[in-house]
C-alpha atoms as a PDB file:
ATOM      1  CA  MET A   1      12.032 -17.413  14.351  1.00  0.00           C
ATOM      2  CA  SER A   2       9.977 -14.628  12.782  1.00  0.00           C
ATOM      3  CA  SER A   3       6.413 -15.459  11.804  1.00  0.00           C
ATOM      4  CA  LEU A   4       7.310 -14.180   8.309  1.00  0.00           C
ATOM      5  CA  ALA A   5      10.244 -16.514   7.780  1.00  0.00           C
ATOM      6  CA  ASN A   6       9.778 -18.439   4.520  1.00  0.00           C
ATOM      7  CA  LYS A   7       6.550 -16.552   3.708  1.00  0.00           C
ATOM      8  CA  VAL A   8       6.139 -15.310   0.131  1.00  0.00           C
ATOM      9  CA  VAL A   9       4.821 -11.749  -0.154  1.00  0.00           C
ATOM     10  CA  ILE A  10       3.968  -9.654  -3.217  1.00  0.00           C
ATOM     11  CA  ILE A  11       4.475  -5.896  -2.822  1.00  0.00           C
ATOM     12  CA  THR A  12       3.102  -3.520  -5.458  1.00  0.00           C
ATOM     13  CA  GLY A  13       4.515  -0.023  -5.747  1.00  0.00           C
ATOM     14  CA  ALA A  14       7.653  -1.560  -4.270  1.00  0.00           C
ATOM     15  CA  ALA A  15      10.303   0.720  -5.772  1.00  0.00           C
ATOM     16  CA  MET A  16      10.006   3.568  -3.288  1.00  0.00           C
ATOM     17  CA  GLY A  17       8.094   5.074  -0.389  1.00  0.00           C
ATOM     18  CA  LEU A  18       5.822   2.815   1.646  1.00  0.00           C
ATOM     19  CA  GLY A  19       6.399  -0.135  -0.678  1.00  0.00           C
ATOM     20  CA  LEU A  20      10.178  -0.072  -0.352  1.00  0.00           C
ATOM     21  CA  ALA A  21      10.002   0.475   3.419  1.00  0.00           C
ATOM     22  CA  ALA A  22       7.720  -2.559   3.725  1.00  0.00           C
ATOM     23  CA  ALA A  23      10.031  -4.630   1.523  1.00  0.00           C
ATOM     24  CA  GLN A  24      12.958  -3.837   3.809  1.00  0.00           C
ATOM     25  CA  GLU A  25      10.971  -4.642   6.955  1.00  0.00           C
ATOM     26  CA  LEU A  26       9.648  -7.923   5.545  1.00  0.00           C
ATOM     27  CA  ALA A  27      13.117  -8.889   4.311  1.00  0.00           C
ATOM     28  CA  SER A  28      14.499  -8.253   7.805  1.00  0.00           C
ATOM     29  CA  GLN A  29      11.946 -10.778   9.071  1.00  0.00           C
ATOM     30  CA  GLY A  30      12.917 -13.436   6.524  1.00  0.00           C
ATOM     31  CA  ALA A  31      10.116 -13.140   3.951  1.00  0.00           C
ATOM     32  CA  SER A  32      10.707 -13.946   0.279  1.00  0.00           C
ATOM     33  CA  LEU A  33       9.611 -11.069  -1.934  1.00  0.00           C
ATOM     34  CA  MET A  34       8.030 -10.391  -5.296  1.00  0.00           C
ATOM     35  CA  LEU A  35       8.573  -6.696  -5.947  1.00  0.00           C
ATOM     36  CA  VAL A  36       6.229  -5.073  -8.472  1.00  0.00           C
ATOM     37  CA  ASP A  37       6.445  -1.552  -9.883  1.00  0.00           C
ATOM     38  CA  TYR A  38       5.961   0.248 -13.197  1.00  0.00           C
ATOM     39  CA  ASN A  39       9.370   2.001 -12.916  1.00  0.00           C
ATOM     40  CA  GLU A  40      11.946  -0.554 -14.050  1.00  0.00           C
ATOM     41  CA  LYS A  41      15.036   1.457 -13.072  1.00  0.00           C
ATOM     42  CA  SER A  42      13.791   2.260  -9.559  1.00  0.00           C
ATOM     43  CA  LEU A  43      12.618  -1.331  -9.123  1.00  0.00           C
ATOM     44  CA  GLU A  44      16.069  -2.684  -9.937  1.00  0.00           C
ATOM     45  CA  GLU A  45      17.635  -0.199  -7.515  1.00  0.00           C
ATOM     46  CA  ALA A  46      15.232  -1.342  -4.784  1.00  0.00           C
ATOM     47  CA  LYS A  47      16.089  -4.983  -5.433  1.00  0.00           C
ATOM     48  CA  ASN A  48      19.828  -4.241  -5.254  1.00  0.00           C
ATOM     49  CA  GLU A  49      19.383  -2.281  -2.031  1.00  0.00           C
ATOM     50  CA  ILE A  50      17.530  -5.177  -0.401  1.00  0.00           C
ATOM     51  CA  ALA A  51      20.077  -7.715  -1.709  1.00  0.00           C
ATOM     52  CA  LYS A  52      22.899  -5.702  -0.173  1.00  0.00           C
ATOM     53  CA  LYS A  53      21.198  -5.464   3.242  1.00  0.00           C
ATOM     54  CA  PHE A  54      19.628  -8.938   3.283  1.00  0.00           C
ATOM     55  CA  PRO A  55      21.696 -11.230   1.026  1.00  0.00           C
ATOM     56  CA  SER A  56      19.912 -14.405   2.147  1.00  0.00           C
ATOM     57  CA  VAL A  57      16.466 -13.141   1.097  1.00  0.00           C
ATOM     58  CA  LYS A  58      15.144 -14.311  -2.273  1.00  0.00           C
ATOM     59  CA  THR A  59      13.793 -11.345  -4.217  1.00  0.00           C
ATOM     60  CA  VAL A  60      12.201 -11.379  -7.670  1.00  0.00           C
ATOM     61  CA  THR A  61      10.945  -8.362  -9.619  1.00  0.00           C
ATOM     62  CA  VAL A  62       8.237  -7.832 -12.221  1.00  0.00           C
ATOM     63  CA  VAL A  63       7.628  -4.560 -14.047  1.00  0.00           C
ATOM     64  CA  ALA A  64       3.879  -3.947 -14.191  1.00  0.00           C
ATOM     65  CA  ASP A  65       1.229  -1.258 -14.414  1.00  0.00           C
ATOM     66  CA  VAL A  66      -1.329  -2.392 -11.819  1.00  0.00           C
ATOM     67  CA  SER A  67      -4.152  -0.729 -13.743  1.00  0.00           C
ATOM     68  CA  ASN A  68      -3.569  -3.260 -16.535  1.00  0.00           C
ATOM     69  CA  GLU A  69      -5.426  -6.478 -15.735  1.00  0.00           C
ATOM     70  CA  ASP A  70      -3.147  -8.664 -17.865  1.00  0.00           C
ATOM     71  CA  ALA A  71      -0.071  -7.196 -16.161  1.00  0.00           C
ATOM     72  CA  VAL A  72      -1.541  -8.073 -12.753  1.00  0.00           C
ATOM     73  CA  LYS A  73      -2.366 -11.599 -13.923  1.00  0.00           C
ATOM     74  CA  ASN A  74       1.239 -11.891 -15.064  1.00  0.00           C
ATOM     75  CA  TYR A  75       2.831 -10.784 -11.771  1.00  0.00           C
ATOM     76  CA  VAL A  76       0.646 -13.280  -9.899  1.00  0.00           C
ATOM     77  CA  ASN A  77       1.621 -16.080 -12.300  1.00  0.00           C
ATOM     78  CA  GLU A  78       5.298 -15.134 -12.085  1.00  0.00           C
ATOM     79  CA  THR A  79       5.139 -15.253  -8.290  1.00  0.00           C
ATOM     80  CA  VAL A  80       3.681 -18.756  -8.308  1.00  0.00           C
ATOM     81  CA  LYS A  81       6.272 -19.801 -10.891  1.00  0.00           C
ATOM     82  CA  ALA A  82       9.141 -18.426  -8.805  1.00  0.00           C
ATOM     83  CA  PHE A  83       8.004 -19.492  -5.325  1.00  0.00           C
ATOM     84  CA  GLY A  84       5.184 -22.029  -5.708  1.00  0.00           C
ATOM     85  CA  ARG A  85       2.822 -20.122  -3.420  1.00  0.00           C
ATOM     86  CA  ILE A  86       1.647 -16.666  -2.297  1.00  0.00           C
ATOM     87  CA  ASP A  87       1.268 -16.062   1.436  1.00  0.00           C
ATOM     88  CA  GLY A  88       0.802 -12.310   1.416  1.00  0.00           C
ATOM     89  CA  LEU A  89      -0.186  -9.441  -0.853  1.00  0.00           C
ATOM     90  CA  TYR A  90       0.623  -5.848   0.034  1.00  0.00           C
ATOM     91  CA  ASN A  91      -1.578  -3.899  -2.400  1.00  0.00           C
ATOM     92  CA  ASN A  92       0.341  -0.647  -2.095  1.00  0.00           C
ATOM     93  CA  ALA A  93       0.644   0.920  -5.574  1.00  0.00           C
ATOM     94  CA  GLY A  94      -1.254   4.174  -5.874  1.00  0.00           C
ATOM     95  CA  ILE A  95      -1.166   7.780  -7.010  1.00  0.00           C
ATOM     96  CA  GLU A  96      -2.593  11.004  -5.634  1.00  0.00           C
ATOM     97  CA  GLY A  97      -3.522  12.679  -8.911  1.00  0.00           C
ATOM     98  CA  LYS A  98      -3.771  16.466  -8.968  1.00  0.00           C
ATOM     99  CA  GLN A  99      -5.321  18.888  -6.523  1.00  0.00           C
ATOM    100  CA  ALA A 100      -8.431  20.620  -7.832  1.00  0.00           C
ATOM    101  CA  GLY A 101     -12.020  21.279  -6.843  1.00  0.00           C
ATOM    102  CA  MET A 102     -14.646  18.648  -7.628  1.00  0.00           C
ATOM    103  CA  THR A 103     -16.302  20.514 -10.507  1.00  0.00           C
ATOM    104  CA  GLU A 104     -12.982  21.576 -12.068  1.00  0.00           C
ATOM    105  CA  TYR A 105     -11.213  18.226 -11.793  1.00  0.00           C
ATOM    106  CA  ASP A 106      -9.696  16.863 -15.023  1.00  0.00           C
ATOM    107  CA  VAL A 107     -11.835  13.838 -15.904  1.00  0.00           C
ATOM    108  CA  ASN A 108      -8.961  11.932 -17.520  1.00  0.00           C
ATOM    109  CA  ILE A 109      -6.801  12.296 -14.409  1.00  0.00           C
ATOM    110  CA  PHE A 110      -9.828  11.275 -12.312  1.00  0.00           C
ATOM    111  CA  LYS A 111     -10.143   8.057 -14.341  1.00  0.00           C
ATOM    112  CA  LYS A 112      -6.419   7.348 -14.048  1.00  0.00           C
ATOM    113  CA  VAL A 113      -6.548   7.674 -10.243  1.00  0.00           C
ATOM    114  CA  ILE A 114      -9.496   5.259 -10.131  1.00  0.00           C
ATOM    115  CA  ASP A 115      -7.780   2.814 -12.508  1.00  0.00           C
ATOM    116  CA  ILE A 116      -4.618   2.630 -10.406  1.00  0.00           C
ATOM    117  CA  ASN A 117      -5.879   3.095  -6.848  1.00  0.00           C
ATOM    118  CA  LEU A 118      -9.102   1.106  -7.096  1.00  0.00           C
ATOM    119  CA  MET A 119      -8.914  -1.251 -10.068  1.00  0.00           C
ATOM    120  CA  GLY A 120      -5.249  -2.047  -9.366  1.00  0.00           C
ATOM    121  CA  VAL A 121      -6.160  -3.174  -5.842  1.00  0.00           C
ATOM    122  CA  TYR A 122      -9.173  -5.109  -7.132  1.00  0.00           C
ATOM    123  CA  TYR A 123      -7.170  -6.916  -9.826  1.00  0.00           C
ATOM    124  CA  GLY A 124      -4.550  -7.866  -7.243  1.00  0.00           C
ATOM    125  CA  MET A 125      -7.151  -9.470  -4.991  1.00  0.00           C
ATOM    126  CA  ARG A 126      -9.040 -11.018  -7.932  1.00  0.00           C
ATOM    127  CA  TYR A 127      -6.002 -13.043  -9.052  1.00  0.00           C
ATOM    128  CA  VAL A 128      -4.219 -13.657  -5.735  1.00  0.00           C
ATOM    129  CA  ILE A 129      -7.249 -14.893  -3.793  1.00  0.00           C
ATOM    130  CA  PRO A 130      -7.745 -18.081  -5.874  1.00  0.00           C
ATOM    131  CA  VAL A 131      -4.120 -19.029  -5.174  1.00  0.00           C
ATOM    132  CA  MET A 132      -4.646 -18.423  -1.462  1.00  0.00           C
ATOM    133  CA  GLN A 133      -7.901 -20.421  -1.506  1.00  0.00           C
ATOM    134  CA  LYS A 134      -6.036 -23.485  -2.785  1.00  0.00           C
ATOM    135  CA  GLN A 135      -3.530 -23.064   0.053  1.00  0.00           C
ATOM    136  CA  LYS A 136      -6.280 -22.404   2.607  1.00  0.00           C
ATOM    137  CA  TYR A 137      -4.117 -19.519   3.795  1.00  0.00           C
ATOM    138  CA  GLY A 138      -3.435 -15.903   2.910  1.00  0.00           C
ATOM    139  CA  ARG A 139      -2.903 -12.398   4.216  1.00  0.00           C
ATOM    140  CA  ILE A 140      -3.860  -9.308   2.224  1.00  0.00           C
ATOM    141  CA  VAL A 141      -3.092  -5.730   3.221  1.00  0.00           C
ATOM    142  CA  ASN A 142      -4.607  -3.023   1.032  1.00  0.00           C
ATOM    143  CA  VAL A 143      -3.512   0.595   1.206  1.00  0.00           C
ATOM    144  CA  ALA A 144      -6.444   2.911   1.809  1.00  0.00           C
ATOM    145  CA  SER A 145      -5.485   6.241   3.375  1.00  0.00           C
ATOM    146  CA  VAL A 146      -6.873   8.714   5.850  1.00  0.00           C
ATOM    147  CA  GLY A 147      -8.493   9.801   2.589  1.00  0.00           C
ATOM    148  CA  GLY A 148     -10.349   6.501   2.830  1.00  0.00           C
ATOM    149  CA  ILE A 149     -11.915   7.338   6.196  1.00  0.00           C
ATOM    150  CA  ARG A 150     -12.548  11.085   5.839  1.00  0.00           C
ATOM    151  CA  GLY A 151     -12.700  13.820   3.198  1.00  0.00           C
ATOM    152  CA  VAL A 152      -9.627  15.634   1.857  1.00  0.00           C
ATOM    153  CA  LEU A 153     -10.070  18.992   0.142  1.00  0.00           C
ATOM    154  CA  ASN A 154      -9.386  19.097  -3.606  1.00  0.00           C
ATOM    155  CA  GLN A 155      -8.649  15.369  -3.924  1.00  0.00           C
ATOM    156  CA  VAL A 156     -12.026  13.881  -4.887  1.00  0.00           C
ATOM    157  CA  PRO A 157     -10.851  10.897  -7.004  1.00  0.00           C
ATOM    158  CA  TYR A 158      -8.202   9.980  -4.449  1.00  0.00           C
ATOM    159  CA  VAL A 159     -10.751  10.068  -1.628  1.00  0.00           C
ATOM    160  CA  ALA A 160     -13.322   8.153  -3.681  1.00  0.00           C
ATOM    161  CA  SER A 161     -10.803   5.458  -4.632  1.00  0.00           C
ATOM    162  CA  LYS A 162      -9.499   5.038  -1.094  1.00  0.00           C
ATOM    163  CA  HIS A 163     -12.988   4.807   0.437  1.00  0.00           C
ATOM    164  CA  ALA A 164     -13.686   2.109  -2.137  1.00  0.00           C
ATOM    165  CA  VAL A 165     -10.530   0.231  -1.146  1.00  0.00           C
ATOM    166  CA  SER A 166     -11.699   0.220   2.459  1.00  0.00           C
ATOM    167  CA  GLY A 167     -15.091  -1.105   1.354  1.00  0.00           C
ATOM    168  CA  MET A 168     -13.590  -3.838  -0.831  1.00  0.00           C
ATOM    169  CA  THR A 169     -11.406  -4.863   2.086  1.00  0.00           C
ATOM    170  CA  LYS A 170     -14.491  -5.442   4.239  1.00  0.00           C
ATOM    171  CA  ASN A 171     -16.143  -7.500   1.524  1.00  0.00           C
ATOM    172  CA  ALA A 172     -13.072  -9.650   0.934  1.00  0.00           C
ATOM    173  CA  ALA A 173     -12.863 -10.317   4.672  1.00  0.00           C
ATOM    174  CA  LEU A 174     -16.500 -11.435   4.720  1.00  0.00           C
ATOM    175  CA  GLU A 175     -16.250 -13.576   1.611  1.00  0.00           C
ATOM    176  CA  TYR A 176     -12.902 -15.303   2.141  1.00  0.00           C
ATOM    177  CA  GLY A 177     -12.310 -15.451   5.887  1.00  0.00           C
ATOM    178  CA  ARG A 178     -13.654 -19.028   5.775  1.00  0.00           C
ATOM    179  CA  ASP A 179     -10.765 -19.912   3.440  1.00  0.00           C
ATOM    180  CA  GLY A 180      -8.110 -18.846   5.929  1.00  0.00           C
ATOM    181  CA  ILE A 181      -7.597 -15.530   4.150  1.00  0.00           C
ATOM    182  CA  ASN A 182      -7.484 -12.378   6.268  1.00  0.00           C
ATOM    183  CA  THR A 183      -7.900  -9.054   4.463  1.00  0.00           C
ATOM    184  CA  ASN A 184      -7.193  -5.718   6.116  1.00  0.00           C
ATOM    185  CA  ALA A 185      -6.391  -2.176   5.037  1.00  0.00           C
ATOM    186  CA  ILE A 186      -4.154   0.532   6.412  1.00  0.00           C
ATOM    187  CA  ALA A 187      -4.967   4.233   6.348  1.00  0.00           C
ATOM    188  CA  PRO A 188      -1.698   6.156   6.503  1.00  0.00           C
ATOM    189  CA  GLY A 189      -1.836   9.872   7.157  1.00  0.00           C
ATOM    190  CA  ALA A 190       0.883  12.230   5.992  1.00  0.00           C
ATOM    191  CA  ILE A 191       3.948  10.000   5.855  1.00  0.00           C
ATOM    192  CA  LEU A 192       7.231  11.403   4.534  1.00  0.00           C
ATOM    193  CA  THR A 193       7.265   9.653   1.161  1.00  0.00           C
ATOM    194  CA  PRO A 194       8.081  11.046  -2.319  1.00  0.00           C
ATOM    195  CA  MET A 195       4.344  11.240  -3.125  1.00  0.00           C
ATOM    196  CA  VAL A 196       3.625  13.332  -0.026  1.00  0.00           C
ATOM    197  CA  ALA A 197       6.635  15.536  -0.775  1.00  0.00           C
ATOM    198  CA  GLU A 198       5.141  16.229  -4.218  1.00  0.00           C
ATOM    199  CA  ALA A 199       1.819  17.152  -2.591  1.00  0.00           C
ATOM    200  CA  PHE A 200       3.565  19.752  -0.416  1.00  0.00           C
ATOM    201  CA  LYS A 201       5.180  21.165  -3.582  1.00  0.00           C
ATOM    202  CA  GLU A 202       1.716  21.654  -5.037  1.00  0.00           C
ATOM    203  CA  VAL A 203       0.480  23.341  -1.872  1.00  0.00           C
ATOM    204  CA  ASN A 204       3.461  25.712  -1.699  1.00  0.00           C
ATOM    205  CA  PRO A 205       5.716  25.562  -4.789  1.00  0.00           C
ATOM    206  CA  HIS A 206       8.014  28.264  -3.383  1.00  0.00           C
ATOM    207  CA  ASP A 207       8.557  26.662   0.032  1.00  0.00           C
ATOM    208  CA  PRO A 208       7.286  23.046   0.275  1.00  0.00           C
ATOM    209  CA  LYS A 209       9.130  22.588   3.588  1.00  0.00           C
ATOM    210  CA  ALA A 210       7.006  25.367   5.104  1.00  0.00           C
ATOM    211  CA  ALA A 211       3.862  23.570   3.901  1.00  0.00           C
ATOM    212  CA  GLU A 212       5.118  20.367   5.524  1.00  0.00           C
ATOM    213  CA  THR A 213       5.854  22.127   8.819  1.00  0.00           C
ATOM    214  CA  GLU A 214       2.466  23.835   8.830  1.00  0.00           C
ATOM    215  CA  TYR A 215       0.665  20.564   8.137  1.00  0.00           C
ATOM    216  CA  ALA A 216       2.543  18.759  10.905  1.00  0.00           C
ATOM    217  CA  GLN A 217       1.286  21.276  13.459  1.00  0.00           C
ATOM    218  CA  ARG A 218      -2.270  19.980  12.958  1.00  0.00           C
ATOM    219  CA  ASN A 219      -1.217  16.518  14.117  1.00  0.00           C
ATOM    220  CA  PRO A 220      -1.477  15.599  17.820  1.00  0.00           C
ATOM    221  CA  THR A 221       2.133  14.378  17.631  1.00  0.00           C
ATOM    222  CA  LYS A 222       3.271  17.599  15.904  1.00  0.00           C
ATOM    223  CA  ARG A 223       5.203  15.617  13.316  1.00  0.00           C
ATOM    224  CA  LEU A 224       4.728  13.594  10.145  1.00  0.00           C
ATOM    225  CA  GLY A 225       5.042   9.835  10.112  1.00  0.00           C
ATOM    226  CA  LEU A 226       7.929   7.801   8.723  1.00  0.00           C
ATOM    227  CA  PRO A 227       7.682   4.979   6.171  1.00  0.00           C
ATOM    228  CA  ASN A 228       9.231   2.418   8.537  1.00  0.00           C
ATOM    229  CA  GLU A 229       6.483   3.135  11.093  1.00  0.00           C
ATOM    230  CA  VAL A 230       3.912   2.091   8.511  1.00  0.00           C
ATOM    231  CA  ALA A 231       6.008  -0.897   7.456  1.00  0.00           C
ATOM    232  CA  LYS A 232       5.929  -2.378  10.958  1.00  0.00           C
ATOM    233  CA  VAL A 233       2.107  -2.338  10.975  1.00  0.00           C
ATOM    234  CA  VAL A 234       2.059  -3.959   7.533  1.00  0.00           C
ATOM    235  CA  ALA A 235       4.434  -6.685   8.717  1.00  0.00           C
ATOM    236  CA  PHE A 236       2.179  -7.343  11.716  1.00  0.00           C
ATOM    237  CA  LEU A 237      -0.934  -7.650   9.538  1.00  0.00           C
ATOM    238  CA  LEU A 238       0.879 -10.053   7.184  1.00  0.00           C
ATOM    239  CA  SER A 239       2.032 -12.224  10.075  1.00  0.00           C
ATOM    240  CA  GLU A 240       0.487 -14.905  12.241  1.00  0.00           C
ATOM    241  CA  ASP A 241       0.381 -12.389  15.087  1.00  0.00           C
ATOM    242  CA  ALA A 242      -2.655 -10.851  13.339  1.00  0.00           C
ATOM    243  CA  SER A 243      -4.447 -14.181  12.863  1.00  0.00           C
ATOM    244  CA  TYR A 244      -7.796 -12.860  14.174  1.00  0.00           C
ATOM    245  CA  VAL A 245      -7.641  -9.372  12.662  1.00  0.00           C
ATOM    246  CA  ASN A 246      -9.880  -9.282   9.596  1.00  0.00           C
ATOM    247  CA  GLY A 247     -11.793  -6.649   7.646  1.00  0.00           C
ATOM    248  CA  GLN A 248     -10.272  -3.663   9.450  1.00  0.00           C
ATOM    249  CA  THR A 249      -9.006  -0.329   8.170  1.00  0.00           C
ATOM    250  CA  ILE A 250      -6.307   0.797  10.570  1.00  0.00           C
ATOM    251  CA  ALA A 251      -5.332   4.463  10.701  1.00  0.00           C
ATOM    252  CA  ILE A 252      -1.598   5.174  10.960  1.00  0.00           C
ATOM    253  CA  ASP A 253      -1.700   8.925  11.306  1.00  0.00           C
ATOM    254  CA  GLY A 254      -0.626   9.985  14.783  1.00  0.00           C
ATOM    255  CA  GLY A 255      -4.277  10.336  15.766  1.00  0.00           C
ATOM    256  CA  GLU A 256      -5.066  13.131  13.328  1.00  0.00           C
ATOM    257  CA  SER A 257      -8.206  11.477  11.929  1.00  0.00           C
ATOM    258  CA  ASN A 258      -9.805  11.863  15.366  1.00  0.00           C
ATOM    259  CA  ILE A 259      -9.578  15.637  15.325  1.00  0.00           C
ATOM    260  CA  TYR A 260     -12.598  17.893  15.241  1.00  0.00           C
ATOM    261  CA  GLY A 261     -11.439  21.490  15.270  1.00  0.00           C
ATOM    262  CA  ASN A 262      -7.910  22.585  16.226  1.00  0.00           C
ATOM    263  CA  VAL A 263      -5.454  20.925  18.578  1.00  0.00           C
END
């Protein structure tokens, strides 16, 4: 039996990309799911897709903007109401923002990136952790990014927010490890998701595929990652197999964050 069988996991940003890939992987391992996203139509499509592939898995959805504290409180309450407990939180919802130099960056977009990427993750932990404390058990996986372990040109609020996520992860691990709650973060590199595809469109509006190919050549593996490759790491961190992994930010980037110079 999978170590995720009968576990209840919340996934934010669940309608597409890394969130949807994780939902499918966790469903394949028998987890019950609370899917959270701000896009109601895409969220319903994701739920139907999972129901078709994994009809025995219980899946509930809540439409929420993770930057809204009351909306986060609500999805946590709805999860407890539906399942009676919360075993895992995959704090995945996030946005890239726009690409611009630090001194030219639109301040309103900067604040929006911080509200979603940083405050959304914080609110999730703030309201899930008390539930996990009562259970004396919990697993939290926050999404940082390679932008949370190094700089990325023209993406200052994204980098700032993701470094902060990595830092909050360490603090949560220190503060709540004694309660049976393990908190870790992942740092995906360029994974072929809709958000990354949009970034390549910004880099080269006329030929985004060429931008993707050029970027992949910098990676030691000479390719971009796939969402299901990230999902398998997330499933591991949410499982009992990772029972002594706590406070880590794990790069999933083909080794690119180790590069100094050209490969």
